[in-house]
Amino acid sequence: MEKYSTRALDELNRILLPQELRDKLELGVGDRVSLDIAVNLLVLCKIPAGLVGLETSSATLNDLGMITLSRAVCNELNWKTHDKLSIYHIDKLVILHHPE
């Protein structure tokens, strides 16, 4: 697992994925990602175009490279505004971790 950086959630529950990581994972504006919770981790995976209905929850990458997390996901993980999250990746998965 490769660590990229640590970023903070902003007041709208968004987190910026580094450009280098977005390029490596071939994530572009409007691409959808699935959001799955595993233990105290949030796992993001790009949803191939045309594929629907398989994700637990989903989000869309905006033109700034940010993904907005739902309030429900943040509440379940007990993540708050300005919490620092570590960003990791394995193959085509992005993993967000709150290093408590």
PDB file of N, CA and C in Angstrom:
ATOM      1  N   MET A   1       0.858  -1.165   0.000  1.00  0.00           N
ATOM      2  CA  MET A   1       0.000   0.000   0.000  1.00  0.00           C
ATOM      3  C   MET A   1       0.903   1.226   0.000  1.00  0.00           C
ATOM      4  N   GLU A   2       0.614   2.149  -0.896  1.00  0.00           N
ATOM      5  CA  GLU A   2       1.428   3.339  -1.058  1.00  0.00           C
ATOM      6  C   GLU A   2       0.697   4.557  -0.495  1.00  0.00           C
ATOM      7  N   LYS A   3       1.366   5.283   0.414  1.00  0.00           N
ATOM      8  CA  LYS A   3       0.754   6.490   0.987  1.00  0.00           C
ATOM      9  C   LYS A   3       1.102   7.684   0.117  1.00  0.00           C
ATOM     10  N   TYR A   4       0.099   8.509  -0.188  1.00  0.00           N
ATOM     11  CA  TYR A   4       0.315   9.709  -0.983  1.00  0.00           C
ATOM     12  C   TYR A   4       0.439  10.949  -0.123  1.00  0.00           C
ATOM     13  N   SER A   5      -0.505  11.153   0.741  1.00  0.00           N
ATOM     14  CA  SER A   5      -0.490  12.397   1.508  1.00  0.00           C
ATOM     15  C   SER A   5      -1.514  12.316   2.621  1.00  0.00           C
ATOM     16  N   THR A   6      -1.563  13.386   3.386  1.00  0.00           N
ATOM     17  CA  THR A   6      -2.607  13.556   4.392  1.00  0.00           C
ATOM     18  C   THR A   6      -3.330  14.843   4.042  1.00  0.00           C
ATOM     19  N   ARG A   7      -4.641  14.768   3.971  1.00  0.00           N
ATOM     20  CA  ARG A   7      -5.460  15.919   3.629  1.00  0.00           C
ATOM     21  C   ARG A   7      -6.575  16.052   4.658  1.00  0.00           C
ATOM     22  N   ALA A   8      -7.143  17.250   4.769  1.00  0.00           N
ATOM     23  CA  ALA A   8      -8.227  17.501   5.716  1.00  0.00           C
ATOM     24  C   ALA A   8      -9.562  17.567   4.988  1.00  0.00           C
ATOM     25  N   LEU A   9     -10.617  17.101   5.668  1.00  0.00           N
ATOM     26  CA  LEU A   9     -11.973  17.296   5.163  1.00  0.00           C
ATOM     27  C   LEU A   9     -12.296  18.783   5.276  1.00  0.00           C
ATOM     28  N   ASP A  10     -12.935  19.337   4.254  1.00  0.00           N
ATOM     29  CA  ASP A  10     -13.338  20.730   4.390  1.00  0.00           C
ATOM     30  C   ASP A  10     -14.744  20.791   4.992  1.00  0.00           C
ATOM     31  N   GLU A  11     -15.285  22.000   5.144  1.00  0.00           N
ATOM     32  CA  GLU A  11     -16.585  22.179   5.806  1.00  0.00           C
ATOM     33  C   GLU A  11     -17.752  21.581   5.025  1.00  0.00           C
ATOM     34  N   LEU A  12     -17.537  21.201   3.760  1.00  0.00           N
ATOM     35  CA  LEU A  12     -18.590  20.563   2.954  1.00  0.00           C
ATOM     36  C   LEU A  12     -18.356  19.060   2.814  1.00  0.00           C
ATOM     37  N   ASN A  13     -17.504  18.501   3.666  1.00  0.00           N
ATOM     38  CA  ASN A  13     -17.159  17.069   3.659  1.00  0.00           C
ATOM     39  C   ASN A  13     -16.460  16.638   2.372  1.00  0.00           C
ATOM     40  N   ARG A  14     -15.685  17.541   1.779  1.00  0.00           N
ATOM     41  CA  ARG A  14     -14.944  17.208   0.566  1.00  0.00           C
ATOM     42  C   ARG A  14     -13.496  16.934   0.934  1.00  0.00           C
ATOM     43  N   ILE A  15     -12.872  16.070   0.139  1.00  0.00           N
ATOM     44  CA  ILE A  15     -11.442  15.822   0.276  1.00  0.00           C
ATOM     45  C   ILE A  15     -10.830  15.889  -1.111  1.00  0.00           C
ATOM     46  N   LEU A  16      -9.699  16.541  -1.209  1.00  0.00           N
ATOM     47  CA  LEU A  16      -9.006  16.698  -2.483  1.00  0.00           C
ATOM     48  C   LEU A  16      -8.065  15.521  -2.695  1.00  0.00           C
ATOM     49  N   LEU A  17      -8.265  14.791  -3.794  1.00  0.00           N
ATOM     50  CA  LEU A  17      -7.348  13.724  -4.158  1.00  0.00           C
ATOM     51  C   LEU A  17      -6.209  14.340  -4.967  1.00  0.00           C
ATOM     52  N   PRO A  18      -4.958  14.059  -4.615  1.00  0.00           N
ATOM     53  CA  PRO A  18      -3.832  14.657  -5.341  1.00  0.00           C
ATOM     54  C   PRO A  18      -3.890  14.350  -6.839  1.00  0.00           C
ATOM     55  N   GLN A  19      -3.478  15.326  -7.665  1.00  0.00           N
ATOM     56  CA  GLN A  19      -3.506  15.167  -9.123  1.00  0.00           C
ATOM     57  C   GLN A  19      -2.727  13.935  -9.567  1.00  0.00           C
ATOM     58  N   GLU A  20      -1.577  13.699  -8.971  1.00  0.00           N
ATOM     59  CA  GLU A  20      -0.755  12.535  -9.320  1.00  0.00           C
ATOM     60  C   GLU A  20      -1.534  11.228  -9.130  1.00  0.00           C
ATOM     61  N   LEU A  21      -2.293  11.147  -8.048  1.00  0.00           N
ATOM     62  CA  LEU A  21      -3.095   9.958  -7.776  1.00  0.00           C
ATOM     63  C   LEU A  21      -4.262   9.853  -8.759  1.00  0.00           C
ATOM     64  N   ARG A  22      -4.925  10.986  -9.049  1.00  0.00           N
ATOM     65  CA  ARG A  22      -6.032  10.962 -10.016  1.00  0.00           C
ATOM     66  C   ARG A  22      -5.542  10.507 -11.383  1.00  0.00           C
ATOM     67  N   ASP A  23      -4.349  10.972 -11.783  1.00  0.00           N
ATOM     68  CA  ASP A  23      -3.775  10.550 -13.062  1.00  0.00           C
ATOM     69  C   ASP A  23      -3.477   9.052 -13.064  1.00  0.00           C
ATOM     70  N   LYS A  24      -2.867   8.587 -12.005  1.00  0.00           N
ATOM     71  CA  LYS A  24      -2.493   7.166 -11.910  1.00  0.00           C
ATOM     72  C   LYS A  24      -3.723   6.259 -11.972  1.00  0.00           C
ATOM     73  N   LEU A  25      -4.819   6.697 -11.366  1.00  0.00           N
ATOM     74  CA  LEU A  25      -6.049   5.906 -11.326  1.00  0.00           C
ATOM     75  C   LEU A  25      -6.991   6.217 -12.487  1.00  0.00           C
ATOM     76  N   GLU A  26      -6.566   7.139 -13.360  1.00  0.00           N
ATOM     77  CA  GLU A  26      -7.369   7.535 -14.516  1.00  0.00           C
ATOM     78  C   GLU A  26      -8.747   8.052 -14.099  1.00  0.00           C
ATOM     79  N   LEU A  27      -8.757   8.891 -13.049  1.00  0.00           N
ATOM     80  CA  LEU A  27      -9.983   9.522 -12.582  1.00  0.00           C
ATOM     81  C   LEU A  27     -10.092  10.903 -13.201  1.00  0.00           C
ATOM     82  N   GLY A  28     -11.225  11.180 -13.815  1.00  0.00           N
ATOM     83  CA  GLY A  28     -11.442  12.480 -14.432  1.00  0.00           C
ATOM     84  C   GLY A  28     -12.708  13.129 -13.922  1.00  0.00           C
ATOM     85  N   VAL A  29     -12.921  14.366 -14.324  1.00  0.00           N
ATOM     86  CA  VAL A  29     -14.105  15.121 -13.919  1.00  0.00           C
ATOM     87  C   VAL A  29     -15.359  14.334 -14.277  1.00  0.00           C
ATOM     88  N   GLY A  30     -16.245  14.198 -13.316  1.00  0.00           N
ATOM     89  CA  GLY A  30     -17.510  13.506 -13.522  1.00  0.00           C
ATOM     90  C   GLY A  30     -17.447  12.001 -13.327  1.00  0.00           C
ATOM     91  N   ASP A  31     -16.249  11.436 -13.177  1.00  0.00           N
ATOM     92  CA  ASP A  31     -16.161   9.996 -12.919  1.00  0.00           C
ATOM     93  C   ASP A  31     -16.790   9.682 -11.569  1.00  0.00           C
ATOM     94  N   ARG A  32     -17.463   8.557 -11.506  1.00  0.00           N
ATOM     95  CA  ARG A  32     -18.094   8.117 -10.256  1.00  0.00           C
ATOM     96  C   ARG A  32     -17.207   7.097  -9.570  1.00  0.00           C
ATOM     97  N   VAL A  33     -17.201   7.145  -8.238  1.00  0.00           N
ATOM     98  CA  VAL A  33     -16.470   6.172  -7.444  1.00  0.00           C
ATOM     99  C   VAL A  33     -17.423   5.566  -6.424  1.00  0.00           C
ATOM    100  N   SER A  34     -17.212   4.291  -6.119  1.00  0.00           N
ATOM    101  CA  SER A  34     -17.995   3.677  -5.048  1.00  0.00           C
ATOM    102  C   SER A  34     -17.299   3.979  -3.732  1.00  0.00           C
ATOM    103  N   LEU A  35     -18.084   4.051  -2.676  1.00  0.00           N
ATOM    104  CA  LEU A  35     -17.572   4.311  -1.335  1.00  0.00           C
ATOM    105  C   LEU A  35     -17.991   3.148  -0.456  1.00  0.00           C
ATOM    106  N   ASP A  36     -17.023   2.441   0.102  1.00  0.00           N
ATOM    107  CA  ASP A  36     -17.305   1.316   0.985  1.00  0.00           C
ATOM    108  C   ASP A  36     -16.526   1.482   2.272  1.00  0.00           C
ATOM    109  N   ILE A  37     -17.173   1.195   3.384  1.00  0.00           N
ATOM    110  CA  ILE A  37     -16.540   1.306   4.698  1.00  0.00           C
ATOM    111  C   ILE A  37     -16.075  -0.070   5.136  1.00  0.00           C
ATOM    112  N   ALA A  38     -14.801  -0.153   5.527  1.00  0.00           N
ATOM    113  CA  ALA A  38     -14.214  -1.384   6.041  1.00  0.00           C
ATOM    114  C   ALA A  38     -13.455  -1.029   7.313  1.00  0.00           C
ATOM    115  N   VAL A  39     -13.951  -1.517   8.440  1.00  0.00           N
ATOM    116  CA  VAL A  39     -13.396  -1.193   9.757  1.00  0.00           C
ATOM    117  C   VAL A  39     -13.440   0.319   9.920  1.00  0.00           C
ATOM    118  N   ASN A  40     -12.293   0.999  10.023  1.00  0.00           N
ATOM    119  CA  ASN A  40     -12.272   2.456  10.149  1.00  0.00           C
ATOM    120  C   ASN A  40     -11.659   3.092   8.907  1.00  0.00           C
ATOM    121  N   LEU A  41     -11.836   2.420   7.754  1.00  0.00           N
ATOM    122  CA  LEU A  41     -11.299   2.901   6.491  1.00  0.00           C
ATOM    123  C   LEU A  41     -12.433   3.173   5.518  1.00  0.00           C
ATOM    124  N   LEU A  42     -12.233   4.130   4.650  1.00  0.00           N
ATOM    125  CA  LEU A  42     -13.163   4.372   3.547  1.00  0.00           C
ATOM    126  C   LEU A  42     -12.428   3.994   2.271  1.00  0.00           C
ATOM    127  N   VAL A  43     -12.986   3.068   1.510  1.00  0.00           N
ATOM    128  CA  VAL A  43     -12.354   2.574   0.285  1.00  0.00           C
ATOM    129  C   VAL A  43     -13.102   3.135  -0.920  1.00  0.00           C
ATOM    130  N   LEU A  44     -12.367   3.792  -1.826  1.00  0.00           N
ATOM    131  CA  LEU A  44     -12.940   4.360  -3.044  1.00  0.00           C
ATOM    132  C   LEU A  44     -12.460   3.546  -4.230  1.00  0.00           C
ATOM    133  N   CYS A  45     -13.361   3.269  -5.147  1.00  0.00           N
ATOM    134  CA  CYS A  45     -13.015   2.519  -6.349  1.00  0.00           C
ATOM    135  C   CYS A  45     -13.773   3.125  -7.524  1.00  0.00           C
ATOM    136  N   LYS A  46     -13.077   3.378  -8.626  1.00  0.00           N
ATOM    137  CA  LYS A  46     -13.714   3.957  -9.809  1.00  0.00           C
ATOM    138  C   LYS A  46     -14.766   2.995 -10.350  1.00  0.00           C
ATOM    139  N   ILE A  47     -15.941   3.537 -10.668  1.00  0.00           N
ATOM    140  CA  ILE A  47     -17.023   2.745 -11.256  1.00  0.00           C
ATOM    141  C   ILE A  47     -16.907   2.882 -12.777  1.00  0.00           C
ATOM    142  N   PRO A  48     -16.722   1.769 -13.484  1.00  0.00           N
ATOM    143  CA  PRO A  48     -16.620   1.855 -14.948  1.00  0.00           C
ATOM    144  C   PRO A  48     -17.873   2.496 -15.554  1.00  0.00           C
ATOM    145  N   ALA A  49     -17.691   3.249 -16.623  1.00  0.00           N
ATOM    146  CA  ALA A  49     -18.810   3.901 -17.305  1.00  0.00           C
ATOM    147  C   ALA A  49     -19.862   2.874 -17.689  1.00  0.00           C
ATOM    148  N   GLY A  50     -21.120   3.203 -17.470  1.00  0.00           N
ATOM    149  CA  GLY A  50     -22.220   2.323 -17.847  1.00  0.00           C
ATOM    150  C   GLY A  50     -22.592   1.300 -16.795  1.00  0.00           C
ATOM    151  N   LEU A  51     -21.776   1.157 -15.752  1.00  0.00           N
ATOM    152  CA  LEU A  51     -22.060   0.186 -14.695  1.00  0.00           C
ATOM    153  C   LEU A  51     -22.813   0.896 -13.578  1.00  0.00           C
ATOM    154  N   VAL A  52     -23.978   0.391 -13.210  1.00  0.00           N
ATOM    155  CA  VAL A  52     -24.771   1.025 -12.160  1.00  0.00           C
ATOM    156  C   VAL A  52     -25.275  -0.018 -11.178  1.00  0.00           C
ATOM    157  N   GLY A  53     -25.582   0.430  -9.981  1.00  0.00           N
ATOM    158  CA  GLY A  53     -26.261  -0.413  -9.006  1.00  0.00           C
ATOM    159  C   GLY A  53     -25.385  -1.327  -8.179  1.00  0.00           C
ATOM    160  N   LEU A  54     -24.057  -1.268  -8.333  1.00  0.00           N
ATOM    161  CA  LEU A  54     -23.206  -2.177  -7.580  1.00  0.00           C
ATOM    162  C   LEU A  54     -22.605  -1.557  -6.330  1.00  0.00           C
ATOM    163  N   GLU A  55     -22.567  -0.251  -6.266  1.00  0.00           N
ATOM    164  CA  GLU A  55     -21.892   0.389  -5.152  1.00  0.00           C
ATOM    165  C   GLU A  55     -22.811   0.550  -3.944  1.00  0.00           C
ATOM    166  N   THR A  56     -22.210   0.545  -2.758  1.00  0.00           N
ATOM    167  CA  THR A  56     -22.932   0.791  -1.523  1.00  0.00           C
ATOM    168  C   THR A  56     -23.370   2.250  -1.486  1.00  0.00           C
ATOM    169  N   SER A  57     -22.456   3.128  -1.789  1.00  0.00           N
ATOM    170  CA  SER A  57     -22.683   4.557  -1.853  1.00  0.00           C
ATOM    171  C   SER A  57     -21.760   5.061  -2.948  1.00  0.00           C
ATOM    172  N   SER A  58     -22.051   6.216  -3.517  1.00  0.00           N
ATOM    173  CA  SER A  58     -21.154   6.705  -4.557  1.00  0.00           C
ATOM    174  C   SER A  58     -20.977   8.206  -4.452  1.00  0.00           C
ATOM    175  N   ALA A  59     -19.951   8.696  -5.128  1.00  0.00           N
ATOM    176  CA  ALA A  59     -19.648  10.122  -5.187  1.00  0.00           C
ATOM    177  C   ALA A  59     -19.091  10.402  -6.569  1.00  0.00           C
ATOM    178  N   THR A  60     -19.025  11.684  -6.916  1.00  0.00           N
ATOM    179  CA  THR A  60     -18.521  12.089  -8.226  1.00  0.00           C
ATOM    180  C   THR A  60     -17.341  13.024  -8.036  1.00  0.00           C
ATOM    181  N   LEU A  61     -16.305  12.840  -8.840  1.00  0.00           N
ATOM    182  CA  LEU A  61     -15.133  13.700  -8.811  1.00  0.00           C
ATOM    183  C   LEU A  61     -15.472  15.026  -9.481  1.00  0.00           C
ATOM    184  N   ASN A  62     -15.197  16.155  -8.801  1.00  0.00           N
ATOM    185  CA  ASN A  62     -15.489  17.456  -9.417  1.00  0.00           C
ATOM    186  C   ASN A  62     -14.272  17.982 -10.170  1.00  0.00           C
ATOM    187  N   ASP A  63     -14.401  19.160 -10.778  1.00  0.00           N
ATOM    188  CA  ASP A  63     -13.328  19.704 -11.608  1.00  0.00           C
ATOM    189  C   ASP A  63     -12.110  20.155 -10.814  1.00  0.00           C
ATOM    190  N   LEU A  64     -12.206  20.214  -9.496  1.00  0.00           N
ATOM    191  CA  LEU A  64     -11.061  20.559  -8.653  1.00  0.00           C
ATOM    192  C   LEU A  64     -10.349  19.307  -8.128  1.00  0.00           C
ATOM    193  N   GLY A  65     -10.891  18.126  -8.467  1.00  0.00           N
ATOM    194  CA  GLY A  65     -10.300  16.878  -7.980  1.00  0.00           C
ATOM    195  C   GLY A  65     -10.801  16.500  -6.605  1.00  0.00           C
ATOM    196  N   MET A  66     -11.948  17.039  -6.214  1.00  0.00           N
ATOM    197  CA  MET A  66     -12.505  16.768  -4.892  1.00  0.00           C
ATOM    198  C   MET A  66     -13.664  15.793  -4.983  1.00  0.00           C
ATOM    199  N   ILE A  67     -13.788  14.989  -3.946  1.00  0.00           N
ATOM    200  CA  ILE A  67     -14.919  14.084  -3.782  1.00  0.00           C
ATOM    201  C   ILE A  67     -15.638  14.512  -2.511  1.00  0.00           C
ATOM    202  N   THR A  68     -16.961  14.662  -2.587  1.00  0.00           N
ATOM    203  CA  THR A  68     -17.753  15.033  -1.424  1.00  0.00           C
ATOM    204  C   THR A  68     -18.293  13.770  -0.774  1.00  0.00           C
ATOM    205  N   LEU A  69     -18.003  13.615   0.508  1.00  0.00           N
ATOM    206  CA  LEU A  69     -18.493  12.470   1.266  1.00  0.00           C
ATOM    207  C   LEU A  69     -19.827  12.825   1.891  1.00  0.00           C
ATOM    208  N   SER A  70     -20.741  11.882   1.909  1.00  0.00           N
ATOM    209  CA  SER A  70     -22.052  12.150   2.499  1.00  0.00           C
ATOM    210  C   SER A  70     -21.927  12.321   4.014  1.00  0.00           C
ATOM    211  N   ARG A  71     -22.867  13.044   4.572  1.00  0.00           N
ATOM    212  CA  ARG A  71     -22.903  13.226   6.028  1.00  0.00           C
ATOM    213  C   ARG A  71     -23.026  11.866   6.700  1.00  0.00           C
ATOM    214  N   ALA A  72     -23.811  10.951   6.132  1.00  0.00           N
ATOM    215  CA  ALA A  72     -24.001   9.617   6.714  1.00  0.00           C
ATOM    216  C   ALA A  72     -22.680   8.854   6.802  1.00  0.00           C
ATOM    217  N   VAL A  73     -21.870   8.929   5.733  1.00  0.00           N
ATOM    218  CA  VAL A  73     -20.564   8.246   5.737  1.00  0.00           C
ATOM    219  C   VAL A  73     -19.667   8.865   6.799  1.00  0.00           C
ATOM    220  N   CYS A  74     -19.596  10.197   6.852  1.00  0.00           N
ATOM    221  CA  CYS A  74     -18.765  10.864   7.862  1.00  0.00           C
ATOM    222  C   CYS A  74     -19.226  10.530   9.271  1.00  0.00           C
ATOM    223  N   ASN A  75     -20.536  10.511   9.481  1.00  0.00           N
ATOM    224  CA  ASN A  75     -21.060  10.183  10.810  1.00  0.00           C
ATOM    225  C   ASN A  75     -20.714   8.745  11.204  1.00  0.00           C
ATOM    226  N   GLU A  76     -20.864   7.816  10.256  1.00  0.00           N
ATOM    227  CA  GLU A  76     -20.569   6.415  10.565  1.00  0.00           C
ATOM    228  C   GLU A  76     -19.100   6.229  10.942  1.00  0.00           C
ATOM    229  N   LEU A  77     -18.211   6.987  10.293  1.00  0.00           N
ATOM    230  CA  LEU A  77     -16.782   6.888  10.577  1.00  0.00           C
ATOM    231  C   LEU A  77     -16.341   7.844  11.688  1.00  0.00           C
ATOM    232  N   ASN A  78     -17.279   8.688  12.159  1.00  0.00           N
ATOM    233  CA  ASN A  78     -16.994   9.691  13.181  1.00  0.00           C
ATOM    234  C   ASN A  78     -15.921  10.679  12.717  1.00  0.00           C
ATOM    235  N   TRP A  79     -15.989  11.067  11.431  1.00  0.00           N
ATOM    236  CA  TRP A  79     -15.070  12.043  10.857  1.00  0.00           C
ATOM    237  C   TRP A  79     -15.719  13.408  10.908  1.00  0.00           C
ATOM    238  N   LYS A  80     -14.955  14.410  11.289  1.00  0.00           N
ATOM    239  CA  LYS A  80     -15.446  15.773  11.433  1.00  0.00           C
ATOM    240  C   LYS A  80     -14.720  16.721  10.479  1.00  0.00           C
ATOM    241  N   THR A  81     -15.300  17.895  10.257  1.00  0.00           N
ATOM    242  CA  THR A  81     -14.668  18.932   9.449  1.00  0.00           C
ATOM    243  C   THR A  81     -13.261  19.202   9.962  1.00  0.00           C
ATOM    244  N   HIS A  82     -12.314  19.323   9.056  1.00  0.00           N
ATOM    245  CA  HIS A  82     -10.906  19.610   9.318  1.00  0.00           C
ATOM    246  C   HIS A  82     -10.125  18.417   9.887  1.00  0.00           C
ATOM    247  N   ASP A  83     -10.768  17.241  10.045  1.00  0.00           N
ATOM    248  CA  ASP A  83     -10.011  16.048  10.424  1.00  0.00           C
ATOM    249  C   ASP A  83      -9.013  15.733   9.321  1.00  0.00           C
ATOM    250  N   LYS A  84      -7.813  15.333   9.714  1.00  0.00           N
ATOM    251  CA  LYS A  84      -6.779  14.953   8.755  1.00  0.00           C
ATOM    252  C   LYS A  84      -6.967  13.487   8.387  1.00  0.00           C
ATOM    253  N   LEU A  85      -6.989  13.207   7.078  1.00  0.00           N
ATOM    254  CA  LEU A  85      -7.145  11.850   6.575  1.00  0.00           C
ATOM    255  C   LEU A  85      -5.922  11.489   5.753  1.00  0.00           C
ATOM    256  N   SER A  86      -5.397  10.291   5.974  1.00  0.00           N
ATOM    257  CA  SER A  86      -4.290   9.801   5.159  1.00  0.00           C
ATOM    258  C   SER A  86      -4.864   9.152   3.910  1.00  0.00           C
ATOM    259  N   ILE A  87      -4.214   9.390   2.777  1.00  0.00           N
ATOM    260  CA  ILE A  87      -4.666   8.842   1.497  1.00  0.00           C
ATOM    261  C   ILE A  87      -3.658   7.783   1.051  1.00  0.00           C
ATOM    262  N   TYR A  88      -4.152   6.575   0.818  1.00  0.00           N
ATOM    263  CA  TYR A  88      -3.341   5.464   0.344  1.00  0.00           C
ATOM    264  C   TYR A  88      -3.943   4.933  -0.944  1.00  0.00           C
ATOM    265  N   HIS A  89      -3.171   4.115  -1.655  1.00  0.00           N
ATOM    266  CA  HIS A  89      -3.769   3.427  -2.792  1.00  0.00           C
ATOM    267  C   HIS A  89      -3.122   2.057  -2.967  1.00  0.00           C
ATOM    268  N   ILE A  90      -3.939   1.110  -3.423  1.00  0.00           N
ATOM    269  CA  ILE A  90      -3.514  -0.227  -3.800  1.00  0.00           C
ATOM    270  C   ILE A  90      -4.137  -0.477  -5.162  1.00  0.00           C
ATOM    271  N   ASP A  91      -3.317  -0.697  -6.171  1.00  0.00           N
ATOM    272  CA  ASP A  91      -3.808  -0.888  -7.537  1.00  0.00           C
ATOM    273  C   ASP A  91      -4.771   0.241  -7.898  1.00  0.00           C
ATOM    274  N   LYS A  92      -6.043  -0.081  -8.130  1.00  0.00           N
ATOM    275  CA  LYS A  92      -7.028   0.921  -8.544  1.00  0.00           C
ATOM    276  C   LYS A  92      -7.959   1.330  -7.403  1.00  0.00           C
ATOM    277  N   LEU A  93      -7.561   1.047  -6.155  1.00  0.00           N
ATOM    278  CA  LEU A  93      -8.364   1.434  -4.995  1.00  0.00           C
ATOM    279  C   LEU A  93      -7.700   2.593  -4.275  1.00  0.00           C
ATOM    280  N   VAL A  94      -8.506   3.536  -3.801  1.00  0.00           N
ATOM    281  CA  VAL A  94      -8.037   4.612  -2.944  1.00  0.00           C
ATOM    282  C   VAL A  94      -8.585   4.344  -1.560  1.00  0.00           C
ATOM    283  N   ILE A  95      -7.743   4.461  -0.550  1.00  0.00           N
ATOM    284  CA  ILE A  95      -8.159   4.208   0.829  1.00  0.00           C
ATOM    285  C   ILE A  95      -7.910   5.467   1.648  1.00  0.00           C
ATOM    286  N   LEU A  96      -8.955   5.932   2.327  1.00  0.00           N
ATOM    287  CA  LEU A  96      -8.845   7.071   3.232  1.00  0.00           C
ATOM    288  C   LEU A  96      -8.864   6.540   4.654  1.00  0.00           C
ATOM    289  N   HIS A  97      -7.918   7.003   5.458  1.00  0.00           N
ATOM    290  CA  HIS A  97      -7.809   6.521   6.838  1.00  0.00           C
ATOM    291  C   HIS A  97      -7.643   7.707   7.782  1.00  0.00           C
ATOM    292  N   HIS A  98      -8.361   7.654   8.873  1.00  0.00           N
ATOM    293  CA  HIS A  98      -8.274   8.669   9.921  1.00  0.00           C
ATOM    294  C   HIS A  98      -7.241   8.172  10.927  1.00  0.00           C
ATOM    295  N   PRO A  99      -6.017   8.704  10.897  1.00  0.00           N
ATOM    296  CA  PRO A  99      -4.956   8.196  11.788  1.00  0.00           C
ATOM    297  C   PRO A  99      -5.096   8.729  13.211  1.00  0.00           C
ATOM    298  N   GLU A 100      -6.005   8.135  13.951  1.00  0.00           N
ATOM    299  CA  GLU A 100      -6.300   8.609  15.317  1.00  0.00           C
ATOM    300  C   GLU A 100      -5.132   8.454  16.235  1.00  0.00           C
TER     301      GLU A 100
END
